[in-house]
Protein backbone atom coordinates (compact mmCIF):
# COMPACT_ATOMS: atom_id res chain seq x y z
CA MET A 1 -11.34 36.57 6.20
CA VAL A 2 -11.03 33.44 8.32
CA VAL A 3 -8.87 33.52 11.37
CA LEU A 4 -7.49 30.25 12.62
CA ARG A 5 -6.65 30.10 16.21
CA VAL A 6 -3.89 27.66 16.88
CA PRO A 7 -3.00 26.97 20.45
CA ILE A 8 0.49 27.85 21.38
CA VAL A 9 2.33 24.79 22.54
CA ASP A 10 5.00 25.25 25.09
CA MET A 11 7.72 22.88 23.87
CA GLN A 12 8.92 22.33 27.41
CA ASN A 13 5.58 20.79 28.35
CA VAL A 14 5.24 18.50 25.31
CA ASP A 15 6.81 15.62 27.21
CA LYS A 16 4.38 16.15 30.08
CA ILE A 17 1.42 16.13 27.67
CA GLU A 18 2.59 12.93 25.97
CA THR A 19 3.26 11.33 29.33
CA LYS A 20 -0.19 12.33 30.54
CA GLU A 21 -1.78 10.91 27.37
CA LYS A 22 0.13 7.66 27.79
CA TYR A 23 -0.88 7.57 31.44
CA MET A 24 -4.54 8.10 30.59
CA SER A 25 -4.40 5.52 27.81
CA THR A 26 -2.77 2.97 30.12
CA LYS A 27 -5.23 3.78 32.88
CA LEU A 28 -8.19 3.29 30.50
CA LYS A 29 -6.77 -0.06 29.39
CA LEU A 30 -6.33 -1.16 32.99
CA LEU A 31 -9.84 -0.04 33.88
CA LYS A 32 -11.24 -1.95 30.93
CA LYS A 33 -9.27 -5.06 31.87
CA ASP A 34 -10.38 -4.71 35.50
CA GLU A 35 -14.00 -4.37 34.35
CA GLU A 36 -13.67 -7.50 32.17
CA GLU A 37 -12.17 -9.43 35.07
CA ARG A 38 -14.96 -8.30 37.37
CA THR A 39 -17.49 -9.31 34.73
CA LYS A 40 -15.84 -12.72 34.38
CA GLU A 41 -15.71 -13.08 38.15
CA GLN A 42 -19.40 -12.20 38.31
CA TYR A 43 -20.19 -14.83 35.68
CA VAL A 44 -18.22 -17.40 37.68
CA ILE A 45 -20.04 -16.47 40.88
CA ASN A 46 -23.44 -16.57 39.17
CA TYR A 47 -22.63 -19.94 37.57
CA LEU A 48 -21.55 -21.42 40.90
CA LYS A 49 -24.65 -20.12 42.68
CA SER A 50 -26.88 -21.63 39.99
CA MET A 51 -25.00 -24.93 40.07
CA ILE A 52 -25.29 -25.13 43.87
CA ALA A 53 -29.03 -24.44 43.66
CA LEU A 54 -29.46 -27.18 41.06
CA GLU A 55 -27.42 -29.67 43.04
CA GLU A 56 -29.49 -28.95 46.13
CA ALA A 57 -32.69 -29.41 44.12
CA ILE A 58 -31.44 -32.69 42.66
CA GLU A 59 -30.29 -34.17 45.98
CA PRO A 60 -33.69 -35.64 47.01
CA TYR A 61 -33.93 -37.38 43.64
CA LYS A 62 -30.48 -38.88 44.10
CA GLU A 63 -31.66 -40.33 47.40
CA GLN A 64 -34.78 -41.73 45.72
CA LYS A 65 -32.64 -43.28 43.01
CA LYS A 66 -30.38 -44.86 45.63
CA ASP A 67 -33.41 -46.16 47.55
CA LEU A 68 -34.91 -47.61 44.37
CA ARG A 69 -31.69 -49.46 43.55
CA LYS A 70 -31.47 -50.75 47.14
CA GLU A 71 -35.09 -51.95 47.05
CA TYR A 72 -34.55 -53.95 43.85
CA ILE A 73 -31.36 -55.51 45.22
CA ASP A 74 -32.81 -56.21 48.70
CA ASN A 75 -35.87 -57.89 47.18
CA GLU A 76 -33.57 -59.83 44.85
CA TRP A 77 -35.49 -58.66 41.82
CA LEU A 78 -32.22 -57.58 40.19
CA THR A 79 -28.52 -57.83 41.02
CA ARG A 80 -26.13 -54.89 41.06
CA GLU A 81 -24.74 -56.16 37.76
CA ASP A 82 -28.25 -56.33 36.24
CA ILE A 83 -28.90 -52.74 37.25
CA TRP A 84 -25.50 -51.61 36.00
CA SER A 85 -26.04 -53.28 32.64
CA ALA A 86 -29.56 -51.93 32.26
CA VAL A 87 -28.47 -48.36 33.06
CA LYS A 88 -25.52 -48.58 30.65
CA ALA A 89 -27.80 -49.91 27.92
CA LEU A 90 -30.29 -47.11 28.50
CA ARG A 91 -27.55 -44.45 28.31
CA LEU A 92 -26.15 -45.94 25.11
CA TYR A 93 -29.66 -46.07 23.66
CA LYS A 94 -30.26 -42.40 24.51
CA GLN A 95 -26.98 -41.49 22.81
CA ASN A 96 -27.93 -43.43 19.68
CA ALA A 97 -24.73 -45.41 20.10
CA ASP A 98 -23.70 -47.60 17.21
CA MET A 99 -23.53 -51.09 18.72
CA ASP A 100 -21.27 -52.38 15.96
CA ASP A 101 -18.73 -49.66 16.75
CA LEU A 102 -19.08 -50.39 20.46
CA ASN A 103 -18.51 -54.13 19.91
CA ASP A 104 -15.50 -53.42 17.68
CA MET A 105 -14.02 -51.17 20.37
CA PHE A 106 -14.72 -53.76 23.06
CA GLU A 107 -12.94 -56.42 20.99
CA THR A 108 -9.98 -54.06 20.51
CA VAL A 109 -9.73 -53.48 24.25
CA GLU A 110 -10.07 -57.18 24.95
CA GLN A 111 -7.33 -58.02 22.43
CA GLN A 112 -5.02 -55.40 23.89
CA PHE A 113 -5.58 -56.18 27.58
CA GLY A 114 -6.89 -59.73 27.50
CA SER A 115 -10.15 -60.95 28.98
CA LYS A 116 -11.46 -59.23 32.08
CA ASP A 117 -10.28 -62.17 34.20
CA GLU A 118 -6.68 -61.53 33.10
CA VAL A 119 -6.68 -57.80 33.92
């Protein structure tokens, strides 16, 4: 013979039990959300720390780049416009830019706004 033991539920306390379950469920959800926010905040903090470290490491190279540009301009080997054009060309080359598309877009801009002297 199997005897099942069923807890006796006091009907007056059912509301308290349900309220406690809802409270615990809500509290768990809030804790989870708080944990996710802290995790996201930690990712943001870690990202910013890494970015700052990289920017600090890059700074001397930025100065070298500025000095290089100044040297070429001061010695009149290149003008600012020459350097600008060369750098733009290099960046387009690295991006495998389609020159026909670029020329078409340039013509569209020029038609819309006129020549650079008119802008």
